[in-house]
Every structure is written in C-alpha cells, then in structure tokens.
Amino acid sequence: MNKERVLRFIDNAAAHNGWKVVADKQLLSDLADGLLANYERFGYMQCPCRDSWGEREKDRDIICPCNYAAADITEFGHCYCALFQSQKFFDSGEEPIGIPERRPDDKFPY
C-alpha cells in the first residue's frame, strides 16, 4: 500500500457514494497519510480521526468510510474528519466544523 493507492481509494469511495472529496489539498494529504499509517499499523484503513482498538472486528464501524459517514454528511454536509462531503457542502465553500461523535460509547477503547 502507498499514498497513491490510498488517494485512489478515497476517490473511488467518494464516487461510489455520490460524495465529494475535501477540496483542501493539505487536509486531504494529511488524512490520506493517516489512513496509510493506520493501514500499515493495523492492516485496515481505520478513520484517522478516531481512537482504535487495533482489532478489525472491534473497529469495523470506523473503517473508512465509516458507518457514520452517510448520516454525518446528510446532517452536517461532511463526515467526522471532513474527508467526504456532500455536493451542496462542497459547492458552498464553507469550512468543515467539528461535529458530534456518533460512535456509541461502548465502541470506544477506553
């Protein structure tokens, strides 16, 4: 796995779901680096903005794109880490905001 493949994965996941990828190239690069680091560490692309158990079964809900992305994009215009965005949010040029964590407390590793 390398960064180029991660960026292709991001583009493909966005296209498959009808989302846009964050326009901020630095944020995109940072998130891709985080996904790659998590892939190298855990063997799967866990959301770079969330704590992990480091076990695929326990983290299944936060493997990118996470189970919460669609609801976040519908409600806030972007996912938790702002990697994926709705067309409307993308076109607005607004900056992503911090949004509430949807992951249930019993899913956290602490």
PDB file of N, CA and C in Angstrom:
ATOM      1  N   MET A   1       0.858  -1.180   0.000  1.00  0.00           N
ATOM      2  CA  MET A   1       0.000   0.000   0.000  1.00  0.00           C
ATOM      3  C   MET A   1       0.894   1.230   0.000  1.00  0.00           C
ATOM      4  N   ASN A   2       0.476   2.234  -0.753  1.00  0.00           N
ATOM      5  CA  ASN A   2       1.189   3.507  -0.753  1.00  0.00           C
ATOM      6  C   ASN A   2       0.166   4.641  -0.822  1.00  0.00           C
ATOM      7  N   LYS A   3       0.643   5.865  -0.702  1.00  0.00           N
ATOM      8  CA  LYS A   3      -0.259   7.011  -0.638  1.00  0.00           C
ATOM      9  C   LYS A   3      -1.093   7.163  -1.912  1.00  0.00           C
ATOM     10  N   GLU A   4      -0.505   6.882  -3.045  1.00  0.00           N
ATOM     11  CA  GLU A   4      -1.237   6.975  -4.311  1.00  0.00           C
ATOM     12  C   GLU A   4      -2.455   6.043  -4.307  1.00  0.00           C
ATOM     13  N   ARG A   5      -2.262   4.833  -3.808  1.00  0.00           N
ATOM     14  CA  ARG A   5      -3.380   3.873  -3.726  1.00  0.00           C
ATOM     15  C   ARG A   5      -4.440   4.340  -2.730  1.00  0.00           C
ATOM     16  N   VAL A   6      -4.009   4.940  -1.640  1.00  0.00           N
ATOM     17  CA  VAL A   6      -4.966   5.472  -0.661  1.00  0.00           C
ATOM     18  C   VAL A   6      -5.790   6.599  -1.298  1.00  0.00           C
ATOM     19  N   LEU A   7      -5.142   7.467  -2.038  1.00  0.00           N
ATOM     20  CA  LEU A   7      -5.861   8.561  -2.705  1.00  0.00           C
ATOM     21  C   LEU A   7      -6.845   8.015  -3.746  1.00  0.00           C
ATOM     22  N   ARG A   8      -6.467   6.954  -4.459  1.00  0.00           N
ATOM     23  CA  ARG A   8      -7.399   6.318  -5.397  1.00  0.00           C
ATOM     24  C   ARG A   8      -8.587   5.708  -4.649  1.00  0.00           C
ATOM     25  N   PHE A   9      -8.305   5.065  -3.514  1.00  0.00           N
ATOM     26  CA  PHE A   9      -9.375   4.517  -2.677  1.00  0.00           C
ATOM     27  C   PHE A   9     -10.346   5.624  -2.254  1.00  0.00           C
ATOM     28  N   ILE A  10      -9.812   6.739  -1.817  1.00  0.00           N
ATOM     29  CA  ILE A  10     -10.644   7.869  -1.387  1.00  0.00           C
ATOM     30  C   ILE A  10     -11.529   8.338  -2.535  1.00  0.00           C
ATOM     31  N   ASP A  11     -10.934   8.535  -3.702  1.00  0.00           N
ATOM     32  CA  ASP A  11     -11.705   8.973  -4.876  1.00  0.00           C
ATOM     33  C   ASP A  11     -12.787   7.957  -5.237  1.00  0.00           C
ATOM     34  N   ASN A  12     -12.444   6.687  -5.211  1.00  0.00           N
ATOM     35  CA  ASN A  12     -13.415   5.641  -5.553  1.00  0.00           C
ATOM     36  C   ASN A  12     -14.542   5.559  -4.536  1.00  0.00           C
ATOM     37  N   ALA A  13     -14.219   5.668  -3.248  1.00  0.00           N
ATOM     38  CA  ALA A  13     -15.249   5.621  -2.209  1.00  0.00           C
ATOM     39  C   ALA A  13     -16.199   6.810  -2.355  1.00  0.00           C
ATOM     40  N   ALA A  14     -15.657   7.983  -2.640  1.00  0.00           N
ATOM     41  CA  ALA A  14     -16.491   9.172  -2.828  1.00  0.00           C
ATOM     42  C   ALA A  14     -17.403   8.989  -4.043  1.00  0.00           C
ATOM     43  N   ALA A  15     -16.851   8.557  -5.153  1.00  0.00           N
ATOM     44  CA  ALA A  15     -17.648   8.371  -6.370  1.00  0.00           C
ATOM     45  C   ALA A  15     -18.742   7.327  -6.150  1.00  0.00           C
ATOM     46  N   HIS A  16     -18.394   6.236  -5.495  1.00  0.00           N
ATOM     47  CA  HIS A  16     -19.359   5.153  -5.252  1.00  0.00           C
ATOM     48  C   HIS A  16     -20.550   5.629  -4.415  1.00  0.00           C
ATOM     49  N   ASN A  17     -20.298   6.535  -3.485  1.00  0.00           N
ATOM     50  CA  ASN A  17     -21.341   7.000  -2.568  1.00  0.00           C
ATOM     51  C   ASN A  17     -21.990   8.318  -2.987  1.00  0.00           C
ATOM     52  N   GLY A  18     -21.537   8.894  -4.092  1.00  0.00           N
ATOM     53  CA  GLY A  18     -22.093  10.163  -4.545  1.00  0.00           C
ATOM     54  C   GLY A  18     -21.623  11.346  -3.712  1.00  0.00           C
ATOM     55  N   TRP A  19     -20.436  11.226  -3.125  1.00  0.00           N
ATOM     56  CA  TRP A  19     -19.863  12.285  -2.299  1.00  0.00           C
ATOM     57  C   TRP A  19     -18.750  12.993  -3.055  1.00  0.00           C
ATOM     58  N   LYS A  20     -18.299  14.087  -2.492  1.00  0.00           N
ATOM     59  CA  LYS A  20     -17.137  14.809  -2.984  1.00  0.00           C
ATOM     60  C   LYS A  20     -16.010  14.614  -1.973  1.00  0.00           C
ATOM     61  N   VAL A  21     -14.781  14.769  -2.425  1.00  0.00           N
ATOM     62  CA  VAL A  21     -13.603  14.706  -1.560  1.00  0.00           C
ATOM     63  C   VAL A  21     -13.234  16.131  -1.171  1.00  0.00           C
ATOM     64  N   VAL A  22     -12.841  16.310   0.066  1.00  0.00           N
ATOM     65  CA  VAL A  22     -12.468  17.643   0.560  1.00  0.00           C
ATOM     66  C   VAL A  22     -11.539  18.340  -0.446  1.00  0.00           C
ATOM     67  N   ALA A  23     -11.794  19.625  -0.683  1.00  0.00           N
ATOM     68  CA  ALA A  23     -11.015  20.380  -1.661  1.00  0.00           C
ATOM     69  C   ALA A  23      -9.672  20.848  -1.096  1.00  0.00           C
ATOM     70  N   ASP A  24      -9.565  20.979   0.199  1.00  0.00           N
ATOM     71  CA  ASP A  24      -8.339  21.433   0.860  1.00  0.00           C
ATOM     72  C   ASP A  24      -7.259  20.360   0.670  1.00  0.00           C
ATOM     73  N   LYS A  25      -6.296  20.641  -0.179  1.00  0.00           N
ATOM     74  CA  LYS A  25      -5.281  19.640  -0.547  1.00  0.00           C
ATOM     75  C   LYS A  25      -4.414  19.234   0.639  1.00  0.00           C
ATOM     76  N   GLN A  26      -4.140  20.163   1.556  1.00  0.00           N
ATOM     77  CA  GLN A  26      -3.328  19.809   2.722  1.00  0.00           C
ATOM     78  C   GLN A  26      -4.096  18.873   3.646  1.00  0.00           C
ATOM     79  N   LEU A  27      -5.375  19.177   3.877  1.00  0.00           N
ATOM     80  CA  LEU A  27      -6.191  18.301   4.711  1.00  0.00           C
ATOM     81  C   LEU A  27      -6.324  16.923   4.063  1.00  0.00           C
ATOM     82  N   LEU A  28      -6.556  16.895   2.764  1.00  0.00           N
ATOM     83  CA  LEU A  28      -6.642  15.625   2.045  1.00  0.00           C
ATOM     84  C   LEU A  28      -5.351  14.824   2.206  1.00  0.00           C
ATOM     85  N   SER A  29      -4.219  15.477   2.050  1.00  0.00           N
ATOM     86  CA  SER A  29      -2.927  14.810   2.184  1.00  0.00           C
ATOM     87  C   SER A  29      -2.738  14.275   3.602  1.00  0.00           C
ATOM     88  N   ASP A  30      -3.085  15.083   4.600  1.00  0.00           N
ATOM     89  CA  ASP A  30      -2.938  14.661   5.993  1.00  0.00           C
ATOM     90  C   ASP A  30      -3.832  13.457   6.304  1.00  0.00           C
ATOM     91  N   LEU A  31      -5.072  13.499   5.826  1.00  0.00           N
ATOM     92  CA  LEU A  31      -5.987  12.382   6.078  1.00  0.00           C
ATOM     93  C   LEU A  31      -5.537  11.121   5.352  1.00  0.00           C
ATOM     94  N   ALA A  32      -5.041  11.287   4.129  1.00  0.00           N
ATOM     95  CA  ALA A  32      -4.513  10.129   3.389  1.00  0.00           C
ATOM     96  C   ALA A  32      -3.303   9.541   4.117  1.00  0.00           C
ATOM     97  N   ASP A  33      -2.449  10.399   4.656  1.00  0.00           N
ATOM     98  CA  ASP A  33      -1.302   9.915   5.436  1.00  0.00           C
ATOM     99  C   ASP A  33      -1.783   9.139   6.660  1.00  0.00           C
ATOM    100  N   GLY A  34      -2.821   9.641   7.318  1.00  0.00           N
ATOM    101  CA  GLY A  34      -3.368   8.956   8.485  1.00  0.00           C
ATOM    102  C   GLY A  34      -3.968   7.605   8.130  1.00  0.00           C
ATOM    103  N   LEU A  35      -4.690   7.544   7.027  1.00  0.00           N
ATOM    104  CA  LEU A  35      -5.247   6.263   6.581  1.00  0.00           C
ATOM    105  C   LEU A  35      -4.139   5.271   6.254  1.00  0.00           C
ATOM    106  N   LEU A  36      -3.096   5.760   5.588  1.00  0.00           N
ATOM    107  CA  LEU A  36      -1.975   4.893   5.242  1.00  0.00           C
ATOM    108  C   LEU A  36      -1.267   4.406   6.507  1.00  0.00           C
ATOM    109  N   ALA A  37      -1.036   5.287   7.456  1.00  0.00           N
ATOM    110  CA  ALA A  37      -0.381   4.890   8.713  1.00  0.00           C
ATOM    111  C   ALA A  37      -1.217   3.840   9.444  1.00  0.00           C
ATOM    112  N   ASN A  38      -2.527   4.028   9.463  1.00  0.00           N
ATOM    113  CA  ASN A  38      -3.388   3.046  10.124  1.00  0.00           C
ATOM    114  C   ASN A  38      -3.397   1.722   9.372  1.00  0.00           C
ATOM    115  N   TYR A  39      -3.348   1.780   8.053  1.00  0.00           N
ATOM    116  CA  TYR A  39      -3.265   0.545   7.268  1.00  0.00           C
ATOM    117  C   TYR A  39      -1.970  -0.209   7.600  1.00  0.00           C
ATOM    118  N   GLU A  40      -0.889   0.536   7.658  1.00  0.00           N
ATOM    119  CA  GLU A  40       0.398  -0.101   7.960  1.00  0.00           C
ATOM    120  C   GLU A  40       0.430  -0.630   9.394  1.00  0.00           C
ATOM    121  N   ARG A  41      -0.224   0.043  10.306  1.00  0.00           N
ATOM    122  CA  ARG A  41      -0.232  -0.347  11.713  1.00  0.00           C
ATOM    123  C   ARG A  41      -1.199  -1.495  11.990  1.00  0.00           C
ATOM    124  N   PHE A  42      -2.411  -1.399  11.426  1.00  0.00           N
ATOM    125  CA  PHE A  42      -3.476  -2.330  11.784  1.00  0.00           C
ATOM    126  C   PHE A  42      -3.860  -3.312  10.676  1.00  0.00           C
ATOM    127  N   GLY A  43      -3.516  -2.964   9.418  1.00  0.00           N
ATOM    128  CA  GLY A  43      -3.905  -3.811   8.299  1.00  0.00           C
ATOM    129  C   GLY A  43      -5.233  -3.421   7.691  1.00  0.00           C
ATOM    130  N   TYR A  44      -5.790  -2.299   8.113  1.00  0.00           N
ATOM    131  CA  TYR A  44      -7.040  -1.775   7.564  1.00  0.00           C
ATOM    132  C   TYR A  44      -7.030  -0.263   7.703  1.00  0.00           C
ATOM    133  N   MET A  45      -7.824   0.398   6.846  1.00  0.00           N
ATOM    134  CA  MET A  45      -7.836   1.860   6.831  1.00  0.00           C
ATOM    135  C   MET A  45      -8.873   2.401   7.813  1.00  0.00           C
ATOM    136  N   GLN A  46      -8.464   2.420   9.060  1.00  0.00           N
ATOM    137  CA  GLN A  46      -9.309   2.955  10.112  1.00  0.00           C
ATOM    138  C   GLN A  46      -9.319   4.475  10.023  1.00  0.00           C
ATOM    139  N   CYS A  47     -10.457   5.084  10.308  1.00  0.00           N
ATOM    140  CA  CYS A  47     -10.581   6.538  10.303  1.00  0.00           C
ATOM    141  C   CYS A  47      -9.407   7.153  11.065  1.00  0.00           C
ATOM    142  N   PRO A  48      -8.694   8.098  10.458  1.00  0.00           N
ATOM    143  CA  PRO A  48      -7.529   8.676  11.124  1.00  0.00           C
ATOM    144  C   PRO A  48      -7.891   9.647  12.254  1.00  0.00           C
ATOM    145  N   CYS A  49      -9.154   9.931  12.415  1.00  0.00           N
ATOM    146  CA  CYS A  49      -9.590  10.910  13.420  1.00  0.00           C
ATOM    147  C   CYS A  49     -10.197  10.257  14.658  1.00  0.00           C
ATOM    148  N   ARG A  50     -10.104   8.955  14.746  1.00  0.00           N
ATOM    149  CA  ARG A  50     -10.739   8.243  15.859  1.00  0.00           C
ATOM    150  C   ARG A  50      -9.751   7.290  16.531  1.00  0.00           C
ATOM    151  N   ASP A  51      -9.992   7.048  17.824  1.00  0.00           N
ATOM    152  CA  ASP A  51      -9.209   6.066  18.559  1.00  0.00           C
ATOM    153  C   ASP A  51      -9.612   4.667  18.106  1.00  0.00           C
ATOM    154  N   SER A  52      -8.651   3.766  18.203  1.00  0.00           N
ATOM    155  CA  SER A  52      -8.860   2.417  17.697  1.00  0.00           C
ATOM    156  C   SER A  52      -8.548   1.370  18.750  1.00  0.00           C
ATOM    157  N   TRP A  53      -9.223   0.258  18.618  1.00  0.00           N
ATOM    158  CA  TRP A  53      -8.886  -0.921  19.412  1.00  0.00           C
ATOM    159  C   TRP A  53      -7.654  -1.606  18.817  1.00  0.00           C
ATOM    160  N   GLY A  54      -7.458  -1.397  17.521  1.00  0.00           N
ATOM    161  CA  GLY A  54      -6.392  -2.110  16.836  1.00  0.00           C
ATOM    162  C   GLY A  54      -6.792  -3.528  16.478  1.00  0.00           C
ATOM    163  N   GLU A  55      -8.095  -3.798  16.537  1.00  0.00           N
ATOM    164  CA  GLU A  55      -8.638  -5.102  16.186  1.00  0.00           C
ATOM    165  C   GLU A  55      -9.761  -4.892  15.174  1.00  0.00           C
ATOM    166  N   ARG A  56      -9.618  -5.500  14.028  1.00  0.00           N
ATOM    167  CA  ARG A  56     -10.549  -5.282  12.919  1.00  0.00           C
ATOM    168  C   ARG A  56     -12.018  -5.448  13.330  1.00  0.00           C
ATOM    169  N   GLU A  57     -12.341  -6.504  14.031  1.00  0.00           N
ATOM    170  CA  GLU A  57     -13.747  -6.745  14.395  1.00  0.00           C
ATOM    171  C   GLU A  57     -14.300  -5.628  15.278  1.00  0.00           C
ATOM    172  N   LYS A  58     -13.524  -5.181  16.239  1.00  0.00           N
ATOM    173  CA  LYS A  58     -13.979  -4.118  17.139  1.00  0.00           C
ATOM    174  C   LYS A  58     -14.025  -2.760  16.438  1.00  0.00           C
ATOM    175  N   ASP A  59     -13.199  -2.592  15.417  1.00  0.00           N
ATOM    176  CA  ASP A  59     -13.113  -1.311  14.698  1.00  0.00           C
ATOM    177  C   ASP A  59     -13.890  -1.297  13.395  1.00  0.00           C
ATOM    178  N   ARG A  60     -14.615  -2.360  13.096  1.00  0.00           N
ATOM    179  CA  ARG A  60     -15.301  -2.476  11.808  1.00  0.00           C
ATOM    180  C   ARG A  60     -16.136  -1.227  11.493  1.00  0.00           C
ATOM    181  N   ASP A  61     -16.739  -0.614  12.503  1.00  0.00           N
ATOM    182  CA  ASP A  61     -17.606   0.546  12.283  1.00  0.00           C
ATOM    183  C   ASP A  61     -16.852   1.819  11.915  1.00  0.00           C
ATOM    184  N   ILE A  62     -15.536   1.837  12.132  1.00  0.00           N
ATOM    185  CA  ILE A  62     -14.766   3.043  11.811  1.00  0.00           C
ATOM    186  C   ILE A  62     -13.740   2.806  10.709  1.00  0.00           C
ATOM    187  N   ILE A  63     -13.910   1.725   9.946  1.00  0.00           N
ATOM    188  CA  ILE A  63     -13.089   1.529   8.758  1.00  0.00           C
ATOM    189  C   ILE A  63     -13.644   2.451   7.676  1.00  0.00           C
ATOM    190  N   CYS A  64     -12.770   3.201   7.062  1.00  0.00           N
ATOM    191  CA  CYS A  64     -13.146   4.246   6.102  1.00  0.00           C
ATOM    192  C   CYS A  64     -13.754   3.651   4.830  1.00  0.00           C
ATOM    193  N   PRO A  65     -14.843   4.233   4.346  1.00  0.00           N
ATOM    194  CA  PRO A  65     -15.652   5.250   5.011  1.00  0.00           C
ATOM    195  C   PRO A  65     -16.458   4.614   6.140  1.00  0.00           C
ATOM    196  N   CYS A  66     -16.457   5.255   7.265  1.00  0.00           N
ATOM    197  CA  CYS A  66     -17.043   4.667   8.468  1.00  0.00           C
ATOM    198  C   CYS A  66     -18.564   4.541   8.361  1.00  0.00           C
ATOM    199  N   ASN A  67     -19.108   3.764   9.262  1.00  0.00           N
ATOM    200  CA  ASN A  67     -20.562   3.542   9.279  1.00  0.00           C
ATOM    201  C   ASN A  67     -21.354   4.813   9.559  1.00  0.00           C
ATOM    202  N   TYR A  68     -20.696   5.837  10.065  1.00  0.00           N
ATOM    203  CA  TYR A  68     -21.382   7.059  10.468  1.00  0.00           C
ATOM    204  C   TYR A  68     -21.298   8.166   9.410  1.00  0.00           C
ATOM    205  N   ALA A  69     -20.524   7.928   8.372  1.00  0.00           N
ATOM    206  CA  ALA A  69     -20.272   8.963   7.361  1.00  0.00           C
ATOM    207  C   ALA A  69     -21.546   9.444   6.678  1.00  0.00           C
ATOM    208  N   ALA A  70     -22.387   8.535   6.234  1.00  0.00           N
ATOM    209  CA  ALA A  70     -23.586   8.941   5.487  1.00  0.00           C
ATOM    210  C   ALA A  70     -24.492   9.832   6.330  1.00  0.00           C
ATOM    211  N   ALA A  71     -24.709   9.456   7.586  1.00  0.00           N
ATOM    212  CA  ALA A  71     -25.563  10.273   8.464  1.00  0.00           C
ATOM    213  C   ALA A  71     -24.925  11.627   8.731  1.00  0.00           C
ATOM    214  N   ASP A  72     -23.612  11.651   8.946  1.00  0.00           N
ATOM    215  CA  ASP A  72     -22.925  12.925   9.172  1.00  0.00           C
ATOM    216  C   ASP A  72     -23.014  13.823   7.936  1.00  0.00           C
ATOM    217  N   ILE A  73     -22.817  13.234   6.776  1.00  0.00           N
ATOM    218  CA  ILE A  73     -22.867  14.020   5.542  1.00  0.00           C
ATOM    219  C   ILE A  73     -24.280  14.555   5.311  1.00  0.00           C
ATOM    220  N   THR A  74     -25.284  13.751   5.594  1.00  0.00           N
ATOM    221  CA  THR A  74     -26.665  14.212   5.454  1.00  0.00           C
ATOM    222  C   THR A  74     -26.959  15.362   6.402  1.00  0.00           C
ATOM    223  N   GLU A  75     -26.532  15.231   7.644  1.00  0.00           N
ATOM    224  CA  GLU A  75     -26.854  16.247   8.658  1.00  0.00           C
ATOM    225  C   GLU A  75     -25.942  17.466   8.626  1.00  0.00           C
ATOM    226  N   PHE A  76     -24.637  17.257   8.439  1.00  0.00           N
ATOM    227  CA  PHE A  76     -23.681  18.354   8.568  1.00  0.00           C
ATOM    228  C   PHE A  76     -22.993  18.741   7.262  1.00  0.00           C
ATOM    229  N   GLY A  77     -23.155  17.936   6.223  1.00  0.00           N
ATOM    230  CA  GLY A  77     -22.530  18.234   4.942  1.00  0.00           C
ATOM    231  C   GLY A  77     -21.180  17.569   4.755  1.00  0.00           C
ATOM    232  N   HIS A  78     -20.633  17.005   5.829  1.00  0.00           N
ATOM    233  CA  HIS A  78     -19.349  16.311   5.732  1.00  0.00           C
ATOM    234  C   HIS A  78     -19.258  15.261   6.820  1.00  0.00           C
ATOM    235  N   CYS A  79     -18.339  14.326   6.616  1.00  0.00           N
ATOM    236  CA  CYS A  79     -18.144  13.269   7.614  1.00  0.00           C
ATOM    237  C   CYS A  79     -17.320  13.811   8.783  1.00  0.00           C
ATOM    238  N   TYR A  80     -17.120  12.977   9.776  1.00  0.00           N
ATOM    239  CA  TYR A  80     -16.456  13.364  11.023  1.00  0.00           C
ATOM    240  C   TYR A  80     -15.107  14.034  10.783  1.00  0.00           C
ATOM    241  N   CYS A  81     -14.307  13.474   9.904  1.00  0.00           N
ATOM    242  CA  CYS A  81     -12.982  14.047   9.643  1.00  0.00           C
ATOM    243  C   CYS A  81     -12.977  15.012   8.450  1.00  0.00           C
ATOM    244  N   ALA A  82     -14.128  15.185   7.818  1.00  0.00           N
ATOM    245  CA  ALA A  82     -14.324  16.121   6.694  1.00  0.00           C
ATOM    246  C   ALA A  82     -13.718  15.634   5.385  1.00  0.00           C
ATOM    247  N   LEU A  83     -13.297  14.382   5.325  1.00  0.00           N
ATOM    248  CA  LEU A  83     -12.741  13.842   4.089  1.00  0.00           C
ATOM    249  C   LEU A  83     -13.793  13.788   2.989  1.00  0.00           C
ATOM    250  N   PHE A  84     -14.977  13.314   3.347  1.00  0.00           N
ATOM    251  CA  PHE A  84     -16.066  13.197   2.384  1.00  0.00           C
ATOM    252  C   PHE A  84     -17.115  14.259   2.663  1.00  0.00           C
ATOM    253  N   GLN A  85     -17.664  14.828   1.570  1.00  0.00           N
ATOM    254  CA  GLN A  85     -18.619  15.916   1.696  1.00  0.00           C
ATOM    255  C   GLN A  85     -19.763  15.740   0.703  1.00  0.00           C
ATOM    256  N   SER A  86     -20.888  16.350   1.052  1.00  0.00           N
ATOM    257  CA  SER A  86     -21.993  16.375   0.102  1.00  0.00           C
ATOM    258  C   SER A  86     -21.649  17.362  -1.011  1.00  0.00           C
ATOM    259  N   GLN A  87     -22.302  17.207  -2.140  1.00  0.00           N
ATOM    260  CA  GLN A  87     -22.090  18.142  -3.251  1.00  0.00           C
ATOM    261  C   GLN A  87     -22.448  19.565  -2.817  1.00  0.00           C
ATOM    262  N   LYS A  88     -23.551  19.707  -2.103  1.00  0.00           N
ATOM    263  CA  LYS A  88     -24.011  21.028  -1.660  1.00  0.00           C
ATOM    264  C   LYS A  88     -22.976  21.690  -0.745  1.00  0.00           C
ATOM    265  N   PHE A  89     -22.458  20.934   0.222  1.00  0.00           N
ATOM    266  CA  PHE A  89     -21.454  21.490   1.128  1.00  0.00           C
ATOM    267  C   PHE A  89     -20.189  21.847   0.360  1.00  0.00           C
ATOM    268  N   PHE A  90     -19.754  20.952  -0.513  1.00  0.00           N
ATOM    269  CA  PHE A  90     -18.553  21.182  -1.324  1.00  0.00           C
ATOM    270  C   PHE A  90     -18.702  22.468  -2.142  1.00  0.00           C
ATOM    271  N   ASP A  91     -19.856  22.626  -2.774  1.00  0.00           N
ATOM    272  CA  ASP A  91     -20.096  23.812  -3.613  1.00  0.00           C
ATOM    273  C   ASP A  91     -20.194  25.097  -2.799  1.00  0.00           C
ATOM    274  N   SER A  92     -20.594  24.993  -1.533  1.00  0.00           N
ATOM    275  CA  SER A  92     -20.777  26.182  -0.694  1.00  0.00           C
ATOM    276  C   SER A  92     -19.457  26.856  -0.345  1.00  0.00           C
ATOM    277  N   GLY A  93     -18.367  26.094  -0.359  1.00  0.00           N
ATOM    278  CA  GLY A  93     -17.070  26.647   0.013  1.00  0.00           C
ATOM    279  C   GLY A  93     -16.920  26.842   1.516  1.00  0.00           C
ATOM    280  N   GLU A  94     -17.899  26.392   2.292  1.00  0.00           N
ATOM    281  CA  GLU A  94     -17.813  26.520   3.744  1.00  0.00           C
ATOM    282  C   GLU A  94     -16.684  25.661   4.289  1.00  0.00           C
ATOM    283  N   GLU A  95     -16.164  26.080   5.434  1.00  0.00           N
ATOM    284  CA  GLU A  95     -15.160  25.291   6.129  1.00  0.00           C
ATOM    285  C   GLU A  95     -15.862  24.222   6.955  1.00  0.00           C
ATOM    286  N   PRO A  96     -15.311  23.019   6.998  1.00  0.00           N
ATOM    287  CA  PRO A  96     -15.895  21.985   7.863  1.00  0.00           C
ATOM    288  C   PRO A  96     -15.858  22.425   9.327  1.00  0.00           C
ATOM    289  N   ILE A  97     -16.807  21.955  10.088  1.00  0.00           N
ATOM    290  CA  ILE A  97     -16.894  22.264  11.511  1.00  0.00           C
ATOM    291  C   ILE A  97     -16.716  20.979  12.304  1.00  0.00           C
ATOM    292  N   GLY A  98     -16.407  21.115  13.568  1.00  0.00           N
ATOM    293  CA  GLY A  98     -16.380  19.944  14.436  1.00  0.00           C
ATOM    294  C   GLY A  98     -17.805  19.448  14.612  1.00  0.00           C
ATOM    295  N   ILE A  99     -18.000  18.180  14.488  1.00  0.00           N
ATOM    296  CA  ILE A  99     -19.350  17.627  14.622  1.00  0.00           C
ATOM    297  C   ILE A  99     -19.361  16.585  15.737  1.00  0.00           C
ATOM    298  N   PRO A 100     -20.533  16.310  16.299  1.00  0.00           N
ATOM    299  CA  PRO A 100     -20.603  15.337  17.394  1.00  0.00           C
ATOM    300  C   PRO A 100     -20.220  13.930  16.935  1.00  0.00           C
ATOM    301  N   GLU A 101     -19.626  13.210  17.853  1.00  0.00           N
ATOM    302  CA  GLU A 101     -19.265  11.821  17.604  1.00  0.00           C
ATOM    303  C   GLU A 101     -20.516  10.964  17.669  1.00  0.00           C
ATOM    304  N   ARG A 102     -20.773  10.184  16.637  1.00  0.00           N
ATOM    305  CA  ARG A 102     -21.929   9.280  16.608  1.00  0.00           C
ATOM    306  C   ARG A 102     -21.591   7.891  17.148  1.00  0.00           C
ATOM    307  N   ARG A 103     -20.334   7.590  17.233  1.00  0.00           N
ATOM    308  CA  ARG A 103     -19.940   6.243  17.666  1.00  0.00           C
ATOM    309  C   ARG A 103     -20.404   6.024  19.106  1.00  0.00           C
ATOM    310  N   PRO A 104     -21.137   4.946  19.361  1.00  0.00           N
ATOM    311  CA  PRO A 104     -21.642   4.687  20.716  1.00  0.00           C
ATOM    312  C   PRO A 104     -20.503   4.506  21.721  1.00  0.00           C
ATOM    313  N   ASP A 105     -20.741   4.929  22.942  1.00  0.00           N
ATOM    314  CA  ASP A 105     -19.720   4.853  23.984  1.00  0.00           C
ATOM    315  C   ASP A 105     -19.147   3.456  24.163  1.00  0.00           C
ATOM    316  N   ASP A 106     -19.962   2.444  23.984  1.00  0.00           N
ATOM    317  CA  ASP A 106     -19.477   1.074  24.194  1.00  0.00           C
ATOM    318  C   ASP A 106     -18.524   0.618  23.084  1.00  0.00           C
ATOM    319  N   LYS A 107     -18.352   1.432  22.059  1.00  0.00           N
ATOM    320  CA  LYS A 107     -17.435   1.097  20.964  1.00  0.00           C
ATOM    321  C   LYS A 107     -16.031   1.691  21.181  1.00  0.00           C
ATOM    322  N   PHE A 108     -15.876   2.548  22.216  1.00  0.00           N
ATOM    323  CA  PHE A 108     -14.596   3.216  22.449  1.00  0.00           C
ATOM    324  C   PHE A 108     -13.634   2.311  23.198  1.00  0.00           C
ATOM    325  N   PRO A 109     -12.335   2.433  22.873  1.00  0.00           N
ATOM    326  CA  PRO A 109     -11.331   1.590  23.513  1.00  0.00           C
ATOM    327  C   PRO A 109     -10.880   2.065  24.886  1.00  0.00           C
ATOM    328  N   TYR A 110     -11.598   2.966  25.499  1.00  0.00           N
ATOM    329  CA  TYR A 110     -11.211   3.435  26.841  1.00  0.00           C
ATOM    330  C   TYR A 110     -12.386   3.488  27.757  1.00  0.00           C
TER     331      TYR A 110
END
